[in-house]
Amino acid sequence: MISKIEIEKELTRLEVWIGRKLSGEFKPYWVDECSAWDYSGFLKAVQSFRNNEYFPSLRDFKAAYGRGANVTEHEQHPGCDWCDHGIIAYTKDGYEYEGRCSVCNIQIRKYSKMPLINPTRPHVELHPSHGASKKFCEQMREEGKDPHASRFTSVSEVNPFKGKPDPRQERVRQKSLSMDRRREEFPF
């Protein structure tokens, strides 16, 4: 996320490089649009217009940002319990193919030619990962957990001492700290 000050500073720098100014009525639109972007991608977009003779339109600037930050125009579809972001892998005649999930029915143009696969009543053999994904989601819901939450566990759940320090490790740590203190007192 970029602050308003940083955006305006880089836009002013871009105006100096190009030799033309951005109209004041458009600056709030630029600030609103660019504030949610990644700073490094924003800087790459600014650099891409450095030697131009004209100030870029916001559409051209967004495209340059997408190229610089490796961002696509469309957000990734979250998917359902069966699919992987709206895509289902299936096998047919010994080959693996991909199709659109009919539950999610993503309508993005680049997927429009893919076949629509109904995972609840498939007419082809689904990849085993989709069945495992469905079982996992059902199991998590039975346990009262969100299946789409982060898969990482917290350290306190993994720690066998349940938050209590390990006495042996604590002795090693204290010994290491005392050696560091001695080195600081007598460097040579």
C-alpha atoms as a PDB file:
ATOM      1  CA  MET A   1       0.000   0.000   0.000  1.00  0.00           C
ATOM      2  CA  ILE A   2       1.305   3.414  -0.964  1.00  0.00           C
ATOM      3  CA  SER A   3       0.679   6.672   0.857  1.00  0.00           C
ATOM      4  CA  LYS A   4      -0.786   9.727  -0.858  1.00  0.00           C
ATOM      5  CA  ILE A   5       2.451  11.657  -0.364  1.00  0.00           C
ATOM      6  CA  GLU A   6       4.560   8.990  -2.080  1.00  0.00           C
ATOM      7  CA  ILE A   7       2.153   8.814  -5.025  1.00  0.00           C
ATOM      8  CA  GLU A   8       2.132  12.572  -5.499  1.00  0.00           C
ATOM      9  CA  LYS A   9       5.934  12.720  -5.192  1.00  0.00           C
ATOM     10  CA  GLU A  10       6.412  10.094  -7.910  1.00  0.00           C
ATOM     11  CA  LEU A  11       3.773  11.716 -10.142  1.00  0.00           C
ATOM     12  CA  THR A  12       5.569  15.060  -9.787  1.00  0.00           C
ATOM     13  CA  ARG A  13       8.837  13.350 -10.686  1.00  0.00           C
ATOM     14  CA  LEU A  14       7.130  11.805 -13.731  1.00  0.00           C
ATOM     15  CA  GLU A  15       5.789  15.230 -14.748  1.00  0.00           C
ATOM     16  CA  VAL A  16       9.331  16.637 -14.620  1.00  0.00           C
ATOM     17  CA  TRP A  17      10.731  13.778 -16.708  1.00  0.00           C
ATOM     18  CA  ILE A  18       8.025  14.100 -19.369  1.00  0.00           C
ATOM     19  CA  GLY A  19       7.795  17.883 -19.326  1.00  0.00           C
ATOM     20  CA  ARG A  20       3.993  17.942 -19.105  1.00  0.00           C
ATOM     21  CA  LYS A  21       1.712  18.162 -16.091  1.00  0.00           C
ATOM     22  CA  LEU A  22      -1.177  15.964 -15.082  1.00  0.00           C
ATOM     23  CA  SER A  23      -4.380  17.950 -14.776  1.00  0.00           C
ATOM     24  CA  GLY A  24      -5.273  18.699 -11.147  1.00  0.00           C
ATOM     25  CA  GLU A  25      -8.782  17.326 -11.546  1.00  0.00           C
ATOM     26  CA  PHE A  26      -7.408  13.843 -12.320  1.00  0.00           C
ATOM     27  CA  LYS A  27      -4.911  13.584  -9.436  1.00  0.00           C
ATOM     28  CA  PRO A  28      -7.498  12.376  -6.874  1.00  0.00           C
ATOM     29  CA  TYR A  29      -8.471   9.521  -9.230  1.00  0.00           C
ATOM     30  CA  TRP A  30      -4.829   8.566  -9.628  1.00  0.00           C
ATOM     31  CA  VAL A  31      -4.247   8.641  -5.875  1.00  0.00           C
ATOM     32  CA  ASP A  32      -7.356   6.542  -5.171  1.00  0.00           C
ATOM     33  CA  GLU A  33      -6.432   3.978  -7.797  1.00  0.00           C
ATOM     34  CA  CYS A  34      -2.728   3.704  -6.941  1.00  0.00           C
ATOM     35  CA  SER A  35      -3.026   3.695  -3.143  1.00  0.00           C
ATOM     36  CA  ALA A  36      -3.775  -0.043  -2.990  1.00  0.00           C
ATOM     37  CA  TRP A  37      -0.876  -1.002  -5.267  1.00  0.00           C
ATOM     38  CA  ASP A  38       2.488  -2.475  -4.402  1.00  0.00           C
ATOM     39  CA  TYR A  39       5.181   0.213  -4.184  1.00  0.00           C
ATOM     40  CA  SER A  40       7.798  -1.604  -6.271  1.00  0.00           C
ATOM     41  CA  GLY A  41       5.298  -2.248  -9.087  1.00  0.00           C
ATOM     42  CA  PHE A  42       4.226   1.398  -8.933  1.00  0.00           C
ATOM     43  CA  LEU A  43       7.844   2.542  -9.298  1.00  0.00           C
ATOM     44  CA  LYS A  44       8.348   0.202 -12.262  1.00  0.00           C
ATOM     45  CA  ALA A  45       5.272   1.712 -13.930  1.00  0.00           C
ATOM     46  CA  VAL A  46       6.617   5.232 -13.346  1.00  0.00           C
ATOM     47  CA  GLN A  47       9.992   4.230 -14.797  1.00  0.00           C
ATOM     48  CA  SER A  48       8.364   2.738 -17.897  1.00  0.00           C
ATOM     49  CA  PHE A  49       6.972   6.176 -18.887  1.00  0.00           C
ATOM     50  CA  ARG A  50      10.139   8.094 -18.082  1.00  0.00           C
ATOM     51  CA  ASN A  51      11.140   8.935 -21.668  1.00  0.00           C
ATOM     52  CA  ASN A  52       7.659   9.452 -23.131  1.00  0.00           C
ATOM     53  CA  GLU A  53       6.562  12.652 -24.822  1.00  0.00           C
ATOM     54  CA  TYR A  54       3.090  12.546 -23.279  1.00  0.00           C
ATOM     55  CA  PHE A  55       1.682  11.925 -19.822  1.00  0.00           C
ATOM     56  CA  PRO A  56       0.140   8.423 -19.745  1.00  0.00           C
ATOM     57  CA  SER A  57      -3.553   7.815 -19.266  1.00  0.00           C
ATOM     58  CA  LEU A  58      -4.597   6.000 -16.108  1.00  0.00           C
ATOM     59  CA  ARG A  59      -5.495   2.956 -18.216  1.00  0.00           C
ATOM     60  CA  ASP A  60      -1.991   2.839 -19.742  1.00  0.00           C
ATOM     61  CA  PHE A  61      -0.473   3.346 -16.296  1.00  0.00           C
ATOM     62  CA  LYS A  62      -2.519   0.433 -14.875  1.00  0.00           C
ATOM     63  CA  ALA A  63      -1.332  -1.786 -17.718  1.00  0.00           C
ATOM     64  CA  ALA A  64       2.297  -0.809 -17.044  1.00  0.00           C
ATOM     65  CA  TYR A  65       1.782  -1.545 -13.352  1.00  0.00           C
ATOM     66  CA  GLY A  66       0.337  -4.955 -14.211  1.00  0.00           C
ATOM     67  CA  ARG A  67       3.374  -5.751 -16.338  1.00  0.00           C
ATOM     68  CA  GLY A  68       5.787  -4.478 -13.684  1.00  0.00           C
ATOM     69  CA  ALA A  69       4.161  -6.179 -10.721  1.00  0.00           C
ATOM     70  CA  ASN A  70       3.050  -9.330 -12.584  1.00  0.00           C
ATOM     71  CA  VAL A  71      -0.583  -8.582 -11.763  1.00  0.00           C
ATOM     72  CA  THR A  72      -3.472  -9.711 -13.915  1.00  0.00           C
ATOM     73  CA  GLU A  73      -6.516  -7.543 -14.526  1.00  0.00           C
ATOM     74  CA  HIS A  74      -8.919 -10.150 -13.163  1.00  0.00           C
ATOM     75  CA  GLU A  75      -8.880 -11.290  -9.587  1.00  0.00           C
ATOM     76  CA  GLN A  76      -8.486 -14.987  -9.014  1.00  0.00           C
ATOM     77  CA  HIS A  77     -11.750 -16.795  -8.375  1.00  0.00           C
ATOM     78  CA  PRO A  78     -11.916 -18.228  -4.832  1.00  0.00           C
ATOM     79  CA  GLY A  79     -13.441 -21.538  -5.927  1.00  0.00           C
ATOM     80  CA  CYS A  80     -15.745 -23.944  -4.146  1.00  0.00           C
ATOM     81  CA  ASP A  81     -15.065 -27.113  -2.128  1.00  0.00           C
ATOM     82  CA  TRP A  82     -14.529 -29.145  -5.299  1.00  0.00           C
ATOM     83  CA  CYS A  83     -12.392 -26.978  -7.551  1.00  0.00           C
ATOM     84  CA  ASP A  84      -9.112 -25.099  -7.556  1.00  0.00           C
ATOM     85  CA  HIS A  85     -10.044 -21.438  -8.176  1.00  0.00           C
ATOM     86  CA  GLY A  86     -12.840 -22.437 -10.570  1.00  0.00           C
ATOM     87  CA  ILE A  87     -10.795 -25.018 -12.496  1.00  0.00           C
ATOM     88  CA  ILE A  88     -11.302 -28.789 -12.355  1.00  0.00           C
ATOM     89  CA  ALA A  89      -8.743 -31.310 -13.640  1.00  0.00           C
ATOM     90  CA  TYR A  90     -10.072 -34.499 -15.161  1.00  0.00           C
ATOM     91  CA  THR A  91      -8.754 -37.512 -17.066  1.00  0.00           C
ATOM     92  CA  LYS A  92     -10.117 -38.799 -20.342  1.00  0.00           C
ATOM     93  CA  ASP A  93      -8.587 -41.572 -22.451  1.00  0.00           C
ATOM     94  CA  GLY A  94      -5.465 -41.538 -20.288  1.00  0.00           C
ATOM     95  CA  TYR A  95      -4.805 -37.786 -20.707  1.00  0.00           C
ATOM     96  CA  GLU A  96      -5.307 -35.008 -18.186  1.00  0.00           C
ATOM     97  CA  TYR A  97      -7.435 -32.000 -19.106  1.00  0.00           C
ATOM     98  CA  GLU A  98      -8.826 -28.953 -17.335  1.00  0.00           C
ATOM     99  CA  GLY A  99     -12.354 -27.620 -17.373  1.00  0.00           C
ATOM    100  CA  ARG A 100     -14.479 -24.990 -15.666  1.00  0.00           C
ATOM    101  CA  CYS A 101     -16.326 -25.904 -12.496  1.00  0.00           C
ATOM    102  CA  SER A 102     -20.095 -25.734 -13.063  1.00  0.00           C
ATOM    103  CA  VAL A 103     -20.683 -24.889  -9.398  1.00  0.00           C
ATOM    104  CA  CYS A 104     -18.543 -21.735  -9.644  1.00  0.00           C
ATOM    105  CA  ASN A 105     -19.145 -21.159 -13.380  1.00  0.00           C
ATOM    106  CA  ILE A 106     -16.385 -18.591 -13.877  1.00  0.00           C
ATOM    107  CA  GLN A 107     -17.141 -16.287 -16.792  1.00  0.00           C
ATOM    108  CA  ILE A 108     -13.706 -14.830 -17.479  1.00  0.00           C
ATOM    109  CA  ARG A 109     -13.052 -14.631 -21.201  1.00  0.00           C
ATOM    110  CA  LYS A 110      -9.818 -16.619 -21.164  1.00  0.00           C
ATOM    111  CA  TYR A 111     -11.700 -19.640 -19.750  1.00  0.00           C
ATOM    112  CA  SER A 112     -14.719 -19.345 -22.050  1.00  0.00           C
ATOM    113  CA  LYS A 113     -13.668 -22.178 -24.399  1.00  0.00           C
ATOM    114  CA  MET A 114     -13.036 -24.665 -21.572  1.00  0.00           C
ATOM    115  CA  PRO A 115     -15.690 -27.367 -21.084  1.00  0.00           C
ATOM    116  CA  LEU A 116     -18.070 -27.029 -18.152  1.00  0.00           C
ATOM    117  CA  ILE A 117     -17.682 -29.945 -15.683  1.00  0.00           C
ATOM    118  CA  ASN A 118     -20.240 -30.717 -12.979  1.00  0.00           C
ATOM    119  CA  PRO A 119     -18.225 -32.116 -10.046  1.00  0.00           C
ATOM    120  CA  THR A 120     -21.272 -33.566  -8.265  1.00  0.00           C
ATOM    121  CA  ARG A 121     -22.288 -35.645 -11.311  1.00  0.00           C
ATOM    122  CA  PRO A 122     -19.206 -35.761 -13.566  1.00  0.00           C
ATOM    123  CA  HIS A 123     -19.371 -37.320 -17.022  1.00  0.00           C
ATOM    124  CA  VAL A 124     -15.580 -37.795 -16.912  1.00  0.00           C
ATOM    125  CA  GLU A 125     -13.197 -39.108 -14.259  1.00  0.00           C
ATOM    126  CA  LEU A 126     -12.159 -36.279 -11.898  1.00  0.00           C
ATOM    127  CA  HIS A 127      -8.614 -35.917 -10.631  1.00  0.00           C
ATOM    128  CA  PRO A 128      -8.340 -37.513  -7.148  1.00  0.00           C
ATOM    129  CA  SER A 129      -7.345 -34.195  -5.569  1.00  0.00           C
ATOM    130  CA  HIS A 130     -10.857 -32.816  -6.063  1.00  0.00           C
ATOM    131  CA  GLY A 131     -12.462 -35.628  -4.064  1.00  0.00           C
ATOM    132  CA  ALA A 132      -9.868 -35.174  -1.331  1.00  0.00           C
ATOM    133  CA  SER A 133     -10.538 -31.439  -1.276  1.00  0.00           C
ATOM    134  CA  LYS A 134     -14.281 -32.012  -0.850  1.00  0.00           C
ATOM    135  CA  LYS A 135     -13.715 -34.524   1.982  1.00  0.00           C
ATOM    136  CA  PHE A 136     -11.303 -32.127   3.716  1.00  0.00           C
ATOM    137  CA  CYS A 137     -13.804 -29.247   3.561  1.00  0.00           C
ATOM    138  CA  GLU A 138     -16.614 -31.420   4.924  1.00  0.00           C
ATOM    139  CA  GLN A 139     -14.380 -32.667   7.760  1.00  0.00           C
ATOM    140  CA  MET A 140     -13.313 -29.130   8.698  1.00  0.00           C
ATOM    141  CA  ARG A 141     -16.944 -27.953   8.784  1.00  0.00           C
ATOM    142  CA  GLU A 142     -17.899 -30.894  11.027  1.00  0.00           C
ATOM    143  CA  GLU A 143     -15.150 -29.778  13.433  1.00  0.00           C
ATOM    144  CA  GLY A 144     -16.509 -26.224  13.329  1.00  0.00           C
ATOM    145  CA  LYS A 145     -13.516 -24.763  11.485  1.00  0.00           C
ATOM    146  CA  ASP A 146     -13.339 -22.695   8.328  1.00  0.00           C
ATOM    147  CA  PRO A 147     -11.890 -24.858   5.515  1.00  0.00           C
ATOM    148  CA  HIS A 148     -10.769 -21.824   3.524  1.00  0.00           C
ATOM    149  CA  ALA A 149      -8.880 -20.194   6.395  1.00  0.00           C
ATOM    150  CA  SER A 150      -5.102 -20.148   6.431  1.00  0.00           C
ATOM    151  CA  ARG A 151      -3.681 -23.647   6.636  1.00  0.00           C
ATOM    152  CA  PHE A 152      -0.865 -22.594   8.964  1.00  0.00           C
ATOM    153  CA  THR A 153      -1.008 -23.522  12.623  1.00  0.00           C
ATOM    154  CA  SER A 154       0.120 -21.227  15.363  1.00  0.00           C
ATOM    155  CA  VAL A 155       3.309 -21.987  17.239  1.00  0.00           C
ATOM    156  CA  SER A 156       1.462 -22.451  20.530  1.00  0.00           C
ATOM    157  CA  GLU A 157      -0.546 -25.351  19.022  1.00  0.00           C
ATOM    158  CA  VAL A 158       2.621 -27.123  17.920  1.00  0.00           C
ATOM    159  CA  ASN A 159       4.724 -26.458  21.048  1.00  0.00           C
ATOM    160  CA  PRO A 160       4.756 -29.633  23.188  1.00  0.00           C
ATOM    161  CA  PHE A 161       5.350 -27.565  26.329  1.00  0.00           C
ATOM    162  CA  LYS A 162       2.139 -25.552  25.764  1.00  0.00           C
ATOM    163  CA  GLY A 163       3.893 -22.216  26.038  1.00  0.00           C
ATOM    164  CA  LYS A 164       6.224 -23.245  28.873  1.00  0.00           C
ATOM    165  CA  PRO A 165       9.947 -22.851  28.180  1.00  0.00           C
ATOM    166  CA  ASP A 166      12.061 -25.944  27.809  1.00  0.00           C
ATOM    167  CA  PRO A 167      14.520 -25.920  30.759  1.00  0.00           C
ATOM    168  CA  ARG A 168      17.351 -27.482  28.743  1.00  0.00           C
ATOM    169  CA  GLN A 169      16.970 -25.004  25.882  1.00  0.00           C
ATOM    170  CA  GLU A 170      16.729 -22.145  28.378  1.00  0.00           C
ATOM    171  CA  ARG A 171      20.080 -23.133  29.928  1.00  0.00           C
ATOM    172  CA  VAL A 172      21.697 -23.212  26.467  1.00  0.00           C
ATOM    173  CA  ARG A 173      20.180 -19.811  25.685  1.00  0.00           C
ATOM    174  CA  GLN A 174      21.406 -18.258  28.949  1.00  0.00           C
ATOM    175  CA  LYS A 175      24.905 -19.677  28.373  1.00  0.00           C
ATOM    176  CA  SER A 176      24.977 -18.178  24.885  1.00  0.00           C
ATOM    177  CA  LEU A 177      23.831 -14.792  26.197  1.00  0.00           C
ATOM    178  CA  SER A 178      26.505 -14.774  28.897  1.00  0.00           C
ATOM    179  CA  MET A 179      29.182 -15.578  26.295  1.00  0.00           C
ATOM    180  CA  ASP A 180      27.965 -12.654  24.180  1.00  0.00           C
ATOM    181  CA  ARG A 181      28.180 -10.332  27.194  1.00  0.00           C
ATOM    182  CA  ARG A 182      31.735 -11.451  27.913  1.00  0.00           C
ATOM    183  CA  ARG A 183      32.757 -10.814  24.304  1.00  0.00           C
ATOM    184  CA  GLU A 184      31.334  -7.309  24.462  1.00  0.00           C
ATOM    185  CA  GLU A 185      33.300  -6.540  27.636  1.00  0.00           C
ATOM    186  CA  PHE A 186      36.633  -7.807  26.268  1.00  0.00           C
ATOM    187  CA  PRO A 187      36.617  -7.648  22.477  1.00  0.00           C
ATOM    188  CA  PHE A 188      40.275  -8.792  22.071  1.00  0.00           C
END
